[in-house]
Protein backbone atom coordinates (compact mmCIF):
# COMPACT_ATOMS: atom_id res chain seq x y z
CA MET A 1 78.20 132.49 91.68
CA ILE A 2 74.42 133.03 91.32
CA GLU A 3 74.63 136.03 93.59
CA SER A 4 77.38 137.46 91.38
CA LEU A 5 75.14 137.03 88.35
CA LYS A 6 72.20 138.68 90.11
CA SER A 7 74.29 141.63 91.25
CA ALA A 8 75.83 141.99 87.80
CA ALA A 9 72.37 141.92 86.22
CA ALA A 10 71.07 144.51 88.70
CA ILE A 11 74.01 146.79 88.02
CA ASN A 12 73.57 146.33 84.29
CA ALA A 13 69.84 147.12 84.51
CA THR A 14 70.61 150.23 86.57
CA LEU A 15 73.14 151.44 84.00
CA PHE A 16 70.75 150.94 81.09
CA ALA A 17 67.89 152.60 82.95
CA LYS A 18 70.03 155.64 83.66
CA GLN A 19 71.33 155.85 80.12
CA GLY A 20 68.17 155.06 78.15
CA GLY A 21 65.36 155.85 80.62
CA GLU A 22 66.19 159.46 81.31
CA PRO A 23 65.85 162.14 78.63
CA ALA A 24 69.02 163.81 77.55
CA LYS A 25 69.82 166.87 79.59
CA ASP A 26 70.77 170.08 77.95
CA GLN A 27 73.92 171.96 78.77
CA GLY A 28 72.21 174.12 81.36
CA GLN A 29 70.97 171.17 83.31
CA ALA A 30 74.33 169.48 83.11
CA ASP A 31 75.96 172.57 84.57
CA ALA A 32 73.39 172.72 87.34
CA ALA A 33 74.16 169.20 88.46
CA PRO A 34 77.73 168.71 89.56
CA LEU A 35 79.83 166.11 87.77
CA ARG A 36 78.71 163.40 90.17
CA GLN A 37 76.73 161.36 87.68
CA PRO A 38 79.72 160.04 85.68
CA GLU A 39 81.42 158.94 88.89
CA PRO A 40 78.67 156.50 89.94
CA GLN A 41 78.43 155.21 86.37
CA MET A 42 82.18 154.63 86.30
CA SER A 43 81.98 152.96 89.70
CA GLU A 44 79.08 150.78 88.58
CA ALA A 45 80.89 149.93 85.35
CA ALA A 46 84.00 149.00 87.30
CA THR A 47 81.93 146.81 89.64
CA LEU A 48 80.21 145.19 86.69
CA SER A 49 83.53 144.63 84.97
CA ALA A 50 84.98 143.10 88.14
CA ALA A 51 81.95 140.80 88.49
CA ILE A 52 82.30 139.67 84.88
CA GLN A 53 86.02 139.05 85.33
CA ARG A 54 85.32 137.06 88.49
CA LEU A 55 82.73 134.96 86.64
CA ILE A 56 85.18 134.34 83.81
CA SER A 57 87.91 133.30 86.22
CA GLU A 58 85.50 130.97 88.07
CA ARG A 59 84.44 129.43 84.76
CA ASP A 60 88.07 128.89 83.79
CA ALA A 61 88.83 127.32 87.17
CA HIS A 62 85.85 124.97 86.79
CA LYS A 63 86.96 124.03 83.27
CA ALA A 64 90.47 123.29 84.50
CA ARG A 65 89.17 121.20 87.41
CA ALA A 66 86.80 119.30 85.09
CA GLY A 67 89.72 118.58 82.73
CA THR A 68 91.84 117.34 85.62
CA GLN A 69 89.00 115.12 86.85
CA GLU A 70 88.48 113.70 83.35
CA MET A 71 92.18 112.79 83.16
CA GLU A 72 91.96 111.19 86.62
CA ILE A 73 88.87 109.19 85.59
CA THR A 74 90.69 107.99 82.47
CA ARG A 75 93.70 106.95 84.55
CA LEU A 76 91.54 105.17 87.13
CA ARG A 77 89.64 103.30 84.40
CA ALA A 78 92.93 102.10 82.92
CA VAL A 79 94.11 100.94 86.36
CA ASN A 80 90.77 99.24 86.96
CA ASP A 81 90.99 97.41 83.62
CA GLU A 82 94.53 96.26 84.43
CA LEU A 83 93.44 95.00 87.86
CA ARG A 84 90.54 93.08 86.30
CA ARG A 85 92.91 91.49 83.80
CA GLN A 86 95.33 90.51 86.59
CA HIS A 87 92.46 89.12 88.66
CA GLU A 88 91.32 86.96 85.75
CA GLN A 89 94.86 85.67 85.26
CA THR A 90 95.22 84.94 88.97
CA ALA A 91 91.89 83.11 89.03
CA ALA A 92 92.93 81.05 85.99
CA LEU A 93 96.25 80.14 87.66
CA ARG A 94 94.47 79.23 90.89
CA ASP A 95 92.08 76.96 89.00
CA TYR A 96 94.98 75.35 87.13
CA TYR A 97 96.92 74.65 90.33
CA MET A 98 93.81 73.31 92.05
CA ARG A 99 93.28 70.85 89.18
CA LEU A 100 96.97 69.92 89.28
CA ALA A 101 96.88 69.35 93.04
CA THR A 102 93.73 67.25 92.71
CA GLU A 103 95.34 65.13 90.00
CA MET A 104 98.47 64.69 92.13
CA LEU A 105 96.37 63.67 95.13
CA VAL A 106 94.49 61.09 93.06
CA THR A 107 97.79 59.76 91.69
CA LEU A 108 99.30 59.54 95.18
CA LYS A 109 96.22 57.69 96.46
CA GLN A 110 96.55 55.23 93.57
CA ILE A 111 100.25 54.72 94.35
CA ASP A 112 99.43 54.22 98.04
CA GLY A 113 96.73 51.70 97.18
CA THR A 114 99.05 49.83 94.82
CA ILE A 115 101.86 49.71 97.42
CA HIS A 116 99.42 48.54 100.08
CA ASP A 117 98.10 45.79 97.78
CA LEU A 118 101.63 44.63 96.89
CA VAL A 119 102.65 44.52 100.55
CA GLN A 120 99.52 42.56 101.41
CA LYS A 121 100.26 40.07 98.61
CA ALA A 122 103.89 39.69 99.66
CA VAL A 123 103.27 39.34 103.38
CA GLY A 124 99.99 37.50 103.31
CA PRO A 125 96.66 38.36 104.86
CA ASN A 126 97.08 36.50 108.16
CA SER A 127 100.62 37.53 108.94
CA GLY A 128 101.40 39.71 111.94
CA ILE A 129 103.94 41.49 109.78
CA SER A 130 101.20 43.52 108.09
CA GLU A 131 100.68 45.54 111.28
CA SER A 132 104.38 46.38 111.47
CA VAL A 133 104.38 47.27 107.76
CA ASP A 134 101.38 49.52 108.32
CA ALA A 135 103.17 51.14 111.27
CA THR A 136 106.30 51.61 109.13
CA LEU A 137 104.26 53.15 106.31
CA MET A 138 102.48 55.45 108.77
CA SER A 139 105.82 56.52 110.22
CA LEU A 140 107.13 57.18 106.72
CA ALA A 141 104.01 59.17 105.85
CA ARG A 142 104.41 61.27 109.00
CA ARG A 143 108.04 62.01 108.22
CA LEU A 144 107.22 63.03 104.65
CA SER A 145 104.35 65.32 105.56
CA PRO A 146 105.31 68.93 106.45
CA LYS A 147 103.52 68.78 109.81
CA GLY A 148 104.85 65.32 110.58
CA ALA A 149 108.45 66.36 109.91
CA ALA A 150 108.14 69.11 112.51
CA ASN A 151 106.62 66.64 115.00
CA ASP A 152 109.36 64.05 114.39
CA HIS A 153 112.05 66.62 115.11
CA THR A 154 110.42 67.58 118.38
CA GLU A 155 109.99 63.91 119.34
CA HIS A 156 113.66 63.13 118.75
CA ARG A 157 114.76 66.06 120.91
CA SER A 158 112.68 64.98 123.92
């Protein structure tokens, strides 16, 4: 593009130098020189015109591409904002479920402790039954856990 500008400027300077720099020729001199001078001027003018048209078309192409890129940036910013909003919502849900799971775990531990205390009171501290109750509770816990349920099924098949 810079080369086009330089060549257009050189052509323009040449045209002006020929038109303004040379004194006007009288009719005799014009007849002496063949009609070659208008041809190069027309050729130079056509070249200059083509260079200007090319510059204009390049400018228009750059404007169009810049407009397209601006629209793309606007679209990407909107998508980015939506993703941030969804991430914040997901993080809030994760935090909520983590608190809920923690509360459920605490509640289950309290229930387990209460059941264990009640069994100990009912059976007595020195009874041999407490070991069988503990074994029964452990078996129940294994069956209720997702991993334990899979293990119990494999044990029964063997």
